[in-house]
N, C-alpha and C. Protein backbone atom coordinates (compact mmCIF):
# COMPACT_ATOMS: atom_id res chain seq x y z
N MET A 1 0.84 -1.16 0.00
CA MET A 1 0.00 0.00 0.00
C MET A 1 0.90 1.24 0.00
N ALA A 2 0.59 2.17 -0.86
CA ALA A 2 1.38 3.40 -0.97
C ALA A 2 1.10 4.33 0.21
N LEU A 3 2.05 5.21 0.45
CA LEU A 3 1.92 6.15 1.57
C LEU A 3 0.69 7.04 1.40
N TRP A 4 0.46 7.53 0.18
CA TRP A 4 -0.70 8.41 -0.03
C TRP A 4 -2.00 7.66 0.22
N ASP A 5 -2.04 6.39 -0.10
CA ASP A 5 -3.23 5.57 0.14
C ASP A 5 -3.48 5.43 1.64
N ALA A 6 -2.44 5.16 2.40
CA ALA A 6 -2.57 5.00 3.84
C ALA A 6 -3.00 6.31 4.50
N ILE A 7 -2.46 7.43 4.04
CA ILE A 7 -2.83 8.73 4.62
C ILE A 7 -4.30 9.03 4.36
N ILE A 8 -4.76 8.77 3.16
CA ILE A 8 -6.17 9.01 2.84
C ILE A 8 -7.06 8.10 3.68
N ARG A 9 -6.67 6.84 3.86
CA ARG A 9 -7.45 5.91 4.67
C ARG A 9 -7.55 6.37 6.12
N VAL A 10 -6.45 6.85 6.68
CA VAL A 10 -6.46 7.31 8.06
C VAL A 10 -7.34 8.56 8.19
N LEU A 11 -7.22 9.49 7.25
CA LEU A 11 -8.03 10.71 7.33
C LEU A 11 -9.53 10.41 7.22
N ILE A 12 -9.91 9.62 6.24
CA ILE A 12 -11.33 9.29 6.07
C ILE A 12 -11.83 8.48 7.26
N GLY A 13 -11.03 7.54 7.72
CA GLY A 13 -11.41 6.74 8.89
C GLY A 13 -11.60 7.59 10.13
N ALA A 14 -10.69 8.53 10.35
CA ALA A 14 -10.80 9.40 11.51
C ALA A 14 -12.05 10.28 11.41
N ILE A 15 -12.37 10.76 10.24
CA ILE A 15 -13.57 11.58 10.06
C ILE A 15 -14.82 10.76 10.37
N LEU A 16 -14.88 9.53 9.88
CA LEU A 16 -16.05 8.69 10.13
C LEU A 16 -16.20 8.36 11.61
N VAL A 17 -15.12 8.05 12.28
CA VAL A 17 -15.17 7.77 13.71
C VAL A 17 -15.59 9.02 14.48
N PHE A 18 -15.04 10.16 14.12
CA PHE A 18 -15.38 11.42 14.77
C PHE A 18 -16.87 11.74 14.61
N LEU A 19 -17.40 11.56 13.40
CA LEU A 19 -18.82 11.82 13.17
C LEU A 19 -19.70 10.94 14.05
N ASP A 20 -19.34 9.68 14.19
CA ASP A 20 -20.12 8.79 15.04
C ASP A 20 -20.07 9.23 16.49
N LEU A 21 -18.90 9.59 16.97
CA LEU A 21 -18.77 10.01 18.36
C LEU A 21 -19.47 11.33 18.63
N GLU A 22 -19.44 12.25 17.69
CA GLU A 22 -20.09 13.55 17.84
C GLU A 22 -21.61 13.47 17.77
N LYS A 23 -22.12 12.60 16.93
CA LYS A 23 -23.57 12.51 16.70
C LYS A 23 -24.22 11.40 17.51
N ASP A 24 -23.57 10.93 18.56
CA ASP A 24 -24.12 9.94 19.49
C ASP A 24 -24.61 8.68 18.81
N GLY A 25 -23.81 8.11 17.95
CA GLY A 25 -24.11 6.81 17.37
C GLY A 25 -24.94 6.81 16.11
N VAL A 26 -25.21 7.96 15.53
CA VAL A 26 -25.99 8.02 14.29
C VAL A 26 -25.23 7.37 13.14
N PHE A 27 -23.93 7.50 13.14
CA PHE A 27 -23.09 6.96 12.08
C PHE A 27 -22.42 5.66 12.53
N GLU A 28 -23.19 4.74 13.08
CA GLU A 28 -22.64 3.50 13.62
C GLU A 28 -21.91 2.69 12.55
N ILE A 29 -22.48 2.57 11.37
CA ILE A 29 -21.81 1.83 10.30
C ILE A 29 -20.55 2.57 9.86
N GLY A 30 -20.62 3.88 9.81
CA GLY A 30 -19.46 4.69 9.46
C GLY A 30 -18.33 4.52 10.47
N TYR A 31 -18.70 4.34 11.73
CA TYR A 31 -17.70 4.11 12.77
C TYR A 31 -16.89 2.86 12.47
N TRP A 32 -17.57 1.76 12.17
CA TRP A 32 -16.88 0.50 11.91
C TRP A 32 -16.10 0.54 10.61
N ILE A 33 -16.64 1.21 9.61
CA ILE A 33 -15.90 1.37 8.36
C ILE A 33 -14.63 2.19 8.61
N GLY A 34 -14.75 3.23 9.43
CA GLY A 34 -13.59 4.04 9.77
C GLY A 34 -12.52 3.26 10.51
N ILE A 35 -12.94 2.42 11.44
CA ILE A 35 -11.99 1.57 12.17
C ILE A 35 -11.27 0.62 11.21
N ILE A 36 -12.02 0.01 10.31
CA ILE A 36 -11.43 -0.91 9.34
C ILE A 36 -10.45 -0.17 8.43
N LEU A 37 -10.82 1.03 7.97
CA LEU A 37 -9.92 1.81 7.12
C LEU A 37 -8.61 2.13 7.83
N MET A 38 -8.73 2.56 9.09
CA MET A 38 -7.51 2.92 9.83
C MET A 38 -6.65 1.69 10.12
N LEU A 39 -7.27 0.57 10.45
CA LEU A 39 -6.50 -0.65 10.70
C LEU A 39 -5.79 -1.13 9.44
N SER A 40 -6.47 -1.06 8.31
CA SER A 40 -5.82 -1.50 7.07
C SER A 40 -4.66 -0.57 6.70
N ALA A 41 -4.78 0.71 7.03
CA ALA A 41 -3.68 1.64 6.77
C ALA A 41 -2.49 1.35 7.68
N ILE A 42 -2.77 1.03 8.94
CA ILE A 42 -1.70 0.74 9.89
C ILE A 42 -0.97 -0.55 9.51
N VAL A 43 -1.74 -1.58 9.16
CA VAL A 43 -1.16 -2.87 8.80
C VAL A 43 -0.50 -2.80 7.43
N GLY A 44 -1.06 -1.98 6.53
CA GLY A 44 -0.50 -1.86 5.19
C GLY A 44 -1.01 -2.91 4.23
N PHE A 45 -2.15 -3.50 4.55
CA PHE A 45 -2.72 -4.55 3.71
C PHE A 45 -4.23 -4.37 3.63
N CYS A 46 -4.76 -4.43 2.41
CA CYS A 46 -6.20 -4.33 2.20
C CYS A 46 -6.68 -5.59 1.49
N PRO A 47 -7.50 -6.40 2.16
CA PRO A 47 -7.98 -7.64 1.54
C PRO A 47 -8.77 -7.40 0.26
N LEU A 48 -9.51 -6.31 0.19
CA LEU A 48 -10.28 -6.03 -1.03
C LEU A 48 -9.36 -5.72 -2.20
N TYR A 49 -8.24 -5.06 -1.95
CA TYR A 49 -7.27 -4.81 -3.01
C TYR A 49 -6.70 -6.14 -3.52
N LYS A 50 -6.45 -7.06 -2.61
CA LYS A 50 -5.90 -8.37 -2.98
C LYS A 50 -6.88 -9.14 -3.85
N ILE A 51 -8.15 -9.14 -3.46
CA ILE A 51 -9.18 -9.84 -4.22
C ILE A 51 -9.34 -9.23 -5.61
N ALA A 52 -9.33 -7.89 -5.67
CA ALA A 52 -9.53 -7.20 -6.95
C ALA A 52 -8.26 -7.13 -7.79
N GLY A 53 -7.11 -7.48 -7.21
CA GLY A 53 -5.85 -7.43 -7.95
C GLY A 53 -5.32 -6.02 -8.12
N ILE A 54 -5.68 -5.13 -7.20
CA ILE A 54 -5.25 -3.73 -7.26
C ILE A 54 -4.03 -3.55 -6.37
N SER A 55 -3.10 -2.72 -6.82
CA SER A 55 -1.94 -2.38 -6.01
C SER A 55 -1.62 -0.90 -6.20
N THR A 56 -1.43 -0.20 -5.09
CA THR A 56 -1.05 1.21 -5.17
C THR A 56 0.45 1.39 -4.94
N LYS A 57 1.16 0.30 -4.70
CA LYS A 57 2.61 0.38 -4.56
C LYS A 57 3.23 0.70 -5.90
N CYS A 58 4.25 1.52 -5.86
CA CYS A 58 4.96 1.88 -7.07
C CYS A 58 6.18 0.98 -7.18
N GLU A 59 6.20 0.15 -8.20
CA GLU A 59 7.30 -0.79 -8.37
C GLU A 59 8.13 -0.48 -9.61
N ASP A 60 7.83 0.59 -10.31
CA ASP A 60 8.59 0.97 -11.49
C ASP A 60 9.83 1.75 -11.10
N GLU A 61 10.80 1.79 -11.98
CA GLU A 61 12.00 2.60 -11.75
C GLU A 61 11.66 4.08 -11.72
N ILE A 62 10.67 4.48 -12.50
CA ILE A 62 10.28 5.89 -12.60
C ILE A 62 9.78 6.40 -11.25
N CYS A 63 9.03 5.60 -10.53
CA CYS A 63 8.45 6.03 -9.27
C CYS A 63 9.48 6.14 -8.16
N GLN A 64 10.59 5.47 -8.28
CA GLN A 64 11.60 5.46 -7.23
C GLN A 64 12.38 6.78 -7.18
N SER A 65 12.36 7.53 -8.25
CA SER A 65 13.16 8.76 -8.26
C SER A 65 12.39 9.94 -7.77
């Protein structure tokens, strides 16, 4: 998982968790989605990416520079 992907996952996850905590449980599903997004960013692995065959890692020589 690329760094930009992990940062976006953490930001969106934190927003979803914050909304649930602020609105007293109205965004209960969003809370769990946010937790999953943040955990996948921390671990660096997304099972849905694996199933779909998607990779955000840059493995080309061009991306390394």
